[in-house]
PDB file of all heavy atoms in Angstrom:
ATOM      1  N   THR A   1      68.531   6.188 -68.599  1.00  0.00           N
ATOM      2  CA  THR A   1      68.626   5.687 -67.248  1.00  0.00           C
ATOM      3  C   THR A   1      70.013   5.968 -66.708  1.00  0.00           C
ATOM      4  O   THR A   1      71.004   5.573 -67.293  1.00  0.00           O
ATOM      5  CB  THR A   1      68.350   4.178 -67.197  1.00  0.00           C
ATOM      6  OG1 THR A   1      67.041   3.951 -67.717  1.00  0.00           O
ATOM      7  CG2 THR A   1      68.426   3.654 -65.770  1.00  0.00           C
ATOM      8  N   LEU A   2      70.047   6.689 -65.598  1.00  0.00           N
ATOM      9  CA  LEU A   2      71.296   7.013 -64.939  1.00  0.00           C
ATOM     10  C   LEU A   2      71.353   6.269 -63.626  1.00  0.00           C
ATOM     11  O   LEU A   2      70.352   6.178 -62.927  1.00  0.00           O
ATOM     12  CB  LEU A   2      71.378   8.526 -64.644  1.00  0.00           C
ATOM     13  CG  LEU A   2      71.206   9.478 -65.820  1.00  0.00           C
ATOM     14  CD1 LEU A   2      71.089  10.889 -65.297  1.00  0.00           C
ATOM     15  CD2 LEU A   2      72.377   9.367 -66.766  1.00  0.00           C
ATOM     16  N   LEU A   3      72.482   5.746 -63.286  1.00  0.00           N
ATOM     17  CA  LEU A   3      72.660   5.159 -61.969  1.00  0.00           C
ATOM     18  C   LEU A   3      73.327   6.188 -61.084  1.00  0.00           C
ATOM     19  O   LEU A   3      74.424   6.651 -61.367  1.00  0.00           O
ATOM     20  CB  LEU A   3      73.492   3.886 -62.040  1.00  0.00           C
ATOM     21  CG  LEU A   3      72.750   2.653 -62.562  1.00  0.00           C
ATOM     22  CD1 LEU A   3      73.696   1.458 -62.571  1.00  0.00           C
ATOM     23  CD2 LEU A   3      71.527   2.356 -61.716  1.00  0.00           C
ATOM     24  N   VAL A   4      72.634   6.567 -60.014  1.00  0.00           N
ATOM     25  CA  VAL A   4      73.126   7.579 -59.106  1.00  0.00           C
ATOM     26  C   VAL A   4      73.922   6.909 -57.997  1.00  0.00           C
ATOM     27  O   VAL A   4      73.420   6.020 -57.320  1.00  0.00           O
ATOM     28  CB  VAL A   4      71.946   8.362 -58.500  1.00  0.00           C
ATOM     29  CG1 VAL A   4      72.452   9.404 -57.529  1.00  0.00           C
ATOM     30  CG2 VAL A   4      71.121   9.005 -59.601  1.00  0.00           C
ATOM     31  N   SER A   5      75.145   7.315 -57.821  1.00  0.00           N
ATOM     32  CA  SER A   5      75.956   6.749 -56.758  1.00  0.00           C
ATOM     33  C   SER A   5      75.466   7.262 -55.415  1.00  0.00           C
ATOM     34  O   SER A   5      75.257   8.459 -55.236  1.00  0.00           O
ATOM     35  CB  SER A   5      77.428   7.140 -56.935  1.00  0.00           C
ATOM     36  OG  SER A   5      77.936   6.597 -58.136  1.00  0.00           O
ATOM     37  N   VAL A   6      75.264   6.349 -54.481  1.00  0.00           N
ATOM     38  CA  VAL A   6      74.726   6.686 -53.180  1.00  0.00           C
ATOM     39  C   VAL A   6      75.743   6.353 -52.108  1.00  0.00           C
ATOM     40  O   VAL A   6      76.254   5.242 -52.063  1.00  0.00           O
ATOM     41  CB  VAL A   6      73.419   5.919 -52.904  1.00  0.00           C
ATOM     42  CG1 VAL A   6      72.939   6.170 -51.488  1.00  0.00           C
ATOM     43  CG2 VAL A   6      72.347   6.320 -53.899  1.00  0.00           C
ATOM     44  N   SER A   7      76.037   7.313 -51.262  1.00  0.00           N
ATOM     45  CA  SER A   7      76.834   7.041 -50.082  1.00  0.00           C
ATOM     46  C   SER A   7      75.872   6.799 -48.938  1.00  0.00           C
ATOM     47  O   SER A   7      75.236   7.733 -48.446  1.00  0.00           O
ATOM     48  CB  SER A   7      77.758   8.228 -49.762  1.00  0.00           C
ATOM     49  OG  SER A   7      78.661   8.444 -50.827  1.00  0.00           O
ATOM     50  N   ALA A   8      75.706   5.573 -48.537  1.00  0.00           N
ATOM     51  CA  ALA A   8      74.730   5.231 -47.510  1.00  0.00           C
ATOM     52  C   ALA A   8      75.161   5.787 -46.168  1.00  0.00           C
ATOM     53  O   ALA A   8      76.326   5.736 -45.802  1.00  0.00           O
ATOM     54  CB  ALA A   8      74.589   3.713 -47.421  1.00  0.00           C
ATOM     55  N   THR A   9      74.187   6.349 -45.418  1.00  0.00           N
ATOM     56  CA  THR A   9      74.469   6.810 -44.074  1.00  0.00           C
ATOM     57  C   THR A   9      74.634   5.611 -43.164  1.00  0.00           C
ATOM     58  O   THR A   9      74.256   4.490 -43.495  1.00  0.00           O
ATOM     59  CB  THR A   9      73.325   7.700 -43.560  1.00  0.00           C
ATOM     60  OG1 THR A   9      72.119   6.934 -43.578  1.00  0.00           O
ATOM     61  CG2 THR A   9      73.164   8.930 -44.418  1.00  0.00           C
ATOM     62  N   THR A  10      75.198   5.834 -42.009  1.00  0.00           N
ATOM     63  CA  THR A  10      75.409   4.746 -41.061  1.00  0.00           C
ATOM     64  C   THR A  10      74.079   4.092 -40.710  1.00  0.00           C
ATOM     65  O   THR A  10      73.119   4.761 -40.324  1.00  0.00           O
ATOM     66  CB  THR A  10      76.084   5.277 -39.785  1.00  0.00           C
ATOM     67  OG1 THR A  10      77.317   5.884 -40.145  1.00  0.00           O
ATOM     68  CG2 THR A  10      76.329   4.152 -38.800  1.00  0.00           C
ATOM     69  N   GLY A  11      74.014   2.792 -40.862  1.00  0.00           N
ATOM     70  CA  GLY A  11      72.777   2.084 -40.548  1.00  0.00           C
ATOM     71  C   GLY A  11      71.735   2.190 -41.632  1.00  0.00           C
ATOM     72  O   GLY A  11      70.603   1.771 -41.439  1.00  0.00           O
ATOM     73  N   ASP A  12      72.069   2.751 -42.775  1.00  0.00           N
ATOM     74  CA  ASP A  12      71.109   2.922 -43.864  1.00  0.00           C
ATOM     75  C   ASP A  12      70.796   1.562 -44.488  1.00  0.00           C
ATOM     76  O   ASP A  12      71.696   0.830 -44.885  1.00  0.00           O
ATOM     77  CB  ASP A  12      71.709   3.858 -44.917  1.00  0.00           C
ATOM     78  CG  ASP A  12      70.680   4.369 -45.905  1.00  0.00           C
ATOM     79  OD1 ASP A  12      69.581   3.803 -45.951  1.00  0.00           O
ATOM     80  OD2 ASP A  12      70.995   5.338 -46.611  1.00  0.00           O
ATOM     81  N   CYS A  13      69.489   1.250 -44.577  1.00  0.00           N
ATOM     82  CA  CYS A  13      69.106  -0.021 -45.177  1.00  0.00           C
ATOM     83  C   CYS A  13      69.210   0.039 -46.695  1.00  0.00           C
ATOM     84  O   CYS A  13      69.051  -0.967 -47.373  1.00  0.00           O
ATOM     85  CB  CYS A  13      67.688  -0.401 -44.761  1.00  0.00           C
ATOM     86  SG  CYS A  13      66.432   0.759 -45.314  1.00  0.00           S
ATOM     87  N   PHE A  14      69.471   1.225 -47.253  1.00  0.00           N
ATOM     88  CA  PHE A  14      69.565   1.400 -48.699  1.00  0.00           C
ATOM     89  C   PHE A  14      71.038   1.566 -49.070  1.00  0.00           C
ATOM     90  O   PHE A  14      71.541   2.677 -49.163  1.00  0.00           O
ATOM     91  CB  PHE A  14      68.790   2.642 -49.137  1.00  0.00           C
ATOM     92  CG  PHE A  14      67.306   2.461 -49.186  1.00  0.00           C
ATOM     93  CD1 PHE A  14      66.639   1.734 -48.212  1.00  0.00           C
ATOM     94  CD2 PHE A  14      66.558   3.003 -50.199  1.00  0.00           C
ATOM     95  CE1 PHE A  14      65.274   1.575 -48.251  1.00  0.00           C
ATOM     96  CE2 PHE A  14      65.183   2.855 -50.249  1.00  0.00           C
ATOM     97  CZ  PHE A  14      64.539   2.136 -49.278  1.00  0.00           C
ATOM     98  N   ALA A  15      71.726   0.476 -49.267  1.00  0.00           N
ATOM     99  CA  ALA A  15      73.133   0.547 -49.650  1.00  0.00           C
ATOM    100  C   ALA A  15      73.285   0.410 -51.153  1.00  0.00           C
ATOM    101  O   ALA A  15      74.363   0.136 -51.645  1.00  0.00           O
ATOM    102  CB  ALA A  15      73.914  -0.546 -48.938  1.00  0.00           C
ATOM    103  N   THR A  16      72.195   0.597 -51.878  1.00  0.00           N
ATOM    104  CA  THR A  16      72.228   0.514 -53.328  1.00  0.00           C
ATOM    105  C   THR A  16      71.776   1.832 -53.929  1.00  0.00           C
ATOM    106  O   THR A  16      71.331   2.733 -53.228  1.00  0.00           O
ATOM    107  CB  THR A  16      71.315  -0.622 -53.823  1.00  0.00           C
ATOM    108  OG1 THR A  16      69.990  -0.417 -53.296  1.00  0.00           O
ATOM    109  CG2 THR A  16      71.828  -1.969 -53.354  1.00  0.00           C
ATOM    110  N   SER A  17      71.867   1.934 -55.239  1.00  0.00           N
ATOM    111  CA  SER A  17      71.569   3.174 -55.937  1.00  0.00           C
ATOM    112  C   SER A  17      70.099   3.275 -56.329  1.00  0.00           C
ATOM    113  O   SER A  17      69.421   2.267 -56.519  1.00  0.00           O
ATOM    114  CB  SER A  17      72.431   3.273 -57.199  1.00  0.00           C
ATOM    115  OG  SER A  17      73.791   3.263 -56.882  1.00  0.00           O
ATOM    116  N   TRP A  18      69.635   4.507 -56.436  1.00  0.00           N
ATOM    117  CA  TRP A  18      68.349   4.809 -57.042  1.00  0.00           C
ATOM    118  C   TRP A  18      68.594   5.059 -58.530  1.00  0.00           C
ATOM    119  O   TRP A  18      69.357   5.964 -58.888  1.00  0.00           O
ATOM    120  CB  TRP A  18      67.731   6.049 -56.410  1.00  0.00           C
ATOM    121  CG  TRP A  18      67.268   5.910 -54.994  1.00  0.00           C
ATOM    122  CD1 TRP A  18      68.025   5.664 -53.891  1.00  0.00           C
ATOM    123  CD2 TRP A  18      65.920   6.052 -54.530  1.00  0.00           C
ATOM    124  NE1 TRP A  18      67.244   5.633 -52.770  1.00  0.00           N
ATOM    125  CE2 TRP A  18      65.938   5.873 -53.130  1.00  0.00           C
ATOM    126  CE3 TRP A  18      64.699   6.314 -55.153  1.00  0.00           C
ATOM    127  CZ2 TRP A  18      64.789   5.942 -52.350  1.00  0.00           C
ATOM    128  CZ3 TRP A  18      63.548   6.391 -54.381  1.00  0.00           C
ATOM    129  CH2 TRP A  18      63.595   6.197 -53.003  1.00  0.00           C
ATOM    130  N   ALA A  19      67.956   4.308 -59.393  1.00  0.00           N
ATOM    131  CA  ALA A  19      68.078   4.549 -60.832  1.00  0.00           C
ATOM    132  C   ALA A  19      67.216   5.742 -61.221  1.00  0.00           C
ATOM    133  O   ALA A  19      66.066   5.859 -60.798  1.00  0.00           O
ATOM    134  CB  ALA A  19      67.643   3.319 -61.615  1.00  0.00           C
ATOM    135  N   CYS A  20      67.780   6.639 -62.009  1.00  0.00           N
ATOM    136  CA  CYS A  20      67.053   7.826 -62.472  1.00  0.00           C
ATOM    137  C   CYS A  20      66.625   7.619 -63.917  1.00  0.00           C
ATOM    138  O   CYS A  20      67.460   7.475 -64.812  1.00  0.00           O
ATOM    139  CB  CYS A  20      67.939   9.064 -62.359  1.00  0.00           C
ATOM    140  SG  CYS A  20      67.171  10.562 -62.998  1.00  0.00           S
ATOM    141  N   HIS A  21      65.309   7.623 -64.155  1.00  0.00           N
ATOM    142  CA  HIS A  21      64.762   7.441 -65.498  1.00  0.00           C
ATOM    143  C   HIS A  21      64.283   8.795 -66.017  1.00  0.00           C
ATOM    144  O   HIS A  21      63.400   9.419 -65.423  1.00  0.00           O
ATOM    145  CB  HIS A  21      63.588   6.464 -65.468  1.00  0.00           C
ATOM    146  CG  HIS A  21      63.934   5.121 -64.896  1.00  0.00           C
ATOM    147  ND1 HIS A  21      64.552   4.124 -65.611  1.00  0.00           N
ATOM    148  CD2 HIS A  21      63.752   4.624 -63.651  1.00  0.00           C
ATOM    149  CE1 HIS A  21      64.723   3.068 -64.854  1.00  0.00           C
ATOM    150  NE2 HIS A  21      64.248   3.344 -63.654  1.00  0.00           N
ATOM    151  N   VAL A  22      64.864   9.241 -67.104  1.00  0.00           N
ATOM    152  CA  VAL A  22      64.495  10.529 -67.680  1.00  0.00           C
ATOM    153  C   VAL A  22      63.372  10.323 -68.687  1.00  0.00           C
ATOM    154  O   VAL A  22      63.565   9.723 -69.743  1.00  0.00           O
ATOM    155  CB  VAL A  22      65.708  11.204 -68.347  1.00  0.00           C
ATOM    156  CG1 VAL A  22      65.305  12.543 -68.944  1.00  0.00           C
ATOM    157  CG2 VAL A  22      66.822  11.400 -67.330  1.00  0.00           C
ATOM    158  N   ILE A  23      62.204  10.799 -68.357  1.00  0.00           N
ATOM    159  CA  ILE A  23      61.036  10.643 -69.220  1.00  0.00           C
ATOM    160  C   ILE A  23      61.116  11.580 -70.418  1.00  0.00           C
ATOM    161  O   ILE A  23      60.784  11.213 -71.544  1.00  0.00           O
ATOM    162  CB  ILE A  23      59.745  10.907 -68.420  1.00  0.00           C
ATOM    163  CG1 ILE A  23      59.578   9.832 -67.339  1.00  0.00           C
ATOM    164  CG2 ILE A  23      58.522  10.947 -69.332  1.00  0.00           C
ATOM    165  CD1 ILE A  23      58.448  10.123 -66.365  1.00  0.00           C
ATOM    166  N   ASP A  24      61.570  12.819 -70.180  1.00  0.00           N
ATOM    167  CA  ASP A  24      61.688  13.797 -71.269  1.00  0.00           C
ATOM    168  C   ASP A  24      62.722  14.835 -70.894  1.00  0.00           C
ATOM    169  O   ASP A  24      62.605  15.483 -69.849  1.00  0.00           O
ATOM    170  CB  ASP A  24      60.335  14.459 -71.529  1.00  0.00           C
ATOM    171  CG  ASP A  24      60.372  15.456 -72.691  1.00  0.00           C
ATOM    172  OD1 ASP A  24      61.367  15.466 -73.439  1.00  0.00           O
ATOM    173  OD2 ASP A  24      59.401  16.216 -72.847  1.00  0.00           O
ATOM    174  N   ASP A  25      63.716  15.017 -71.736  1.00  0.00           N
ATOM    175  CA  ASP A  25      64.689  16.090 -71.545  1.00  0.00           C
ATOM    176  C   ASP A  25      64.870  16.890 -72.834  1.00  0.00           C
ATOM    177  O   ASP A  25      65.901  17.508 -73.055  1.00  0.00           O
ATOM    178  CB  ASP A  25      66.033  15.536 -71.071  1.00  0.00           C
ATOM    179  CG  ASP A  25      66.698  14.621 -72.096  1.00  0.00           C
ATOM    180  OD1 ASP A  25      66.062  14.315 -73.130  1.00  0.00           O
ATOM    181  OD2 ASP A  25      67.848  14.207 -71.865  1.00  0.00           O
TER     182      ASP A  25
END
């Protein structure tokens, strides 16, 4: 699980990160 840093755009309701889950690498 990686936490992706997100720079929210102006007015973006998503000021948090999307977690990336690697099923198979």
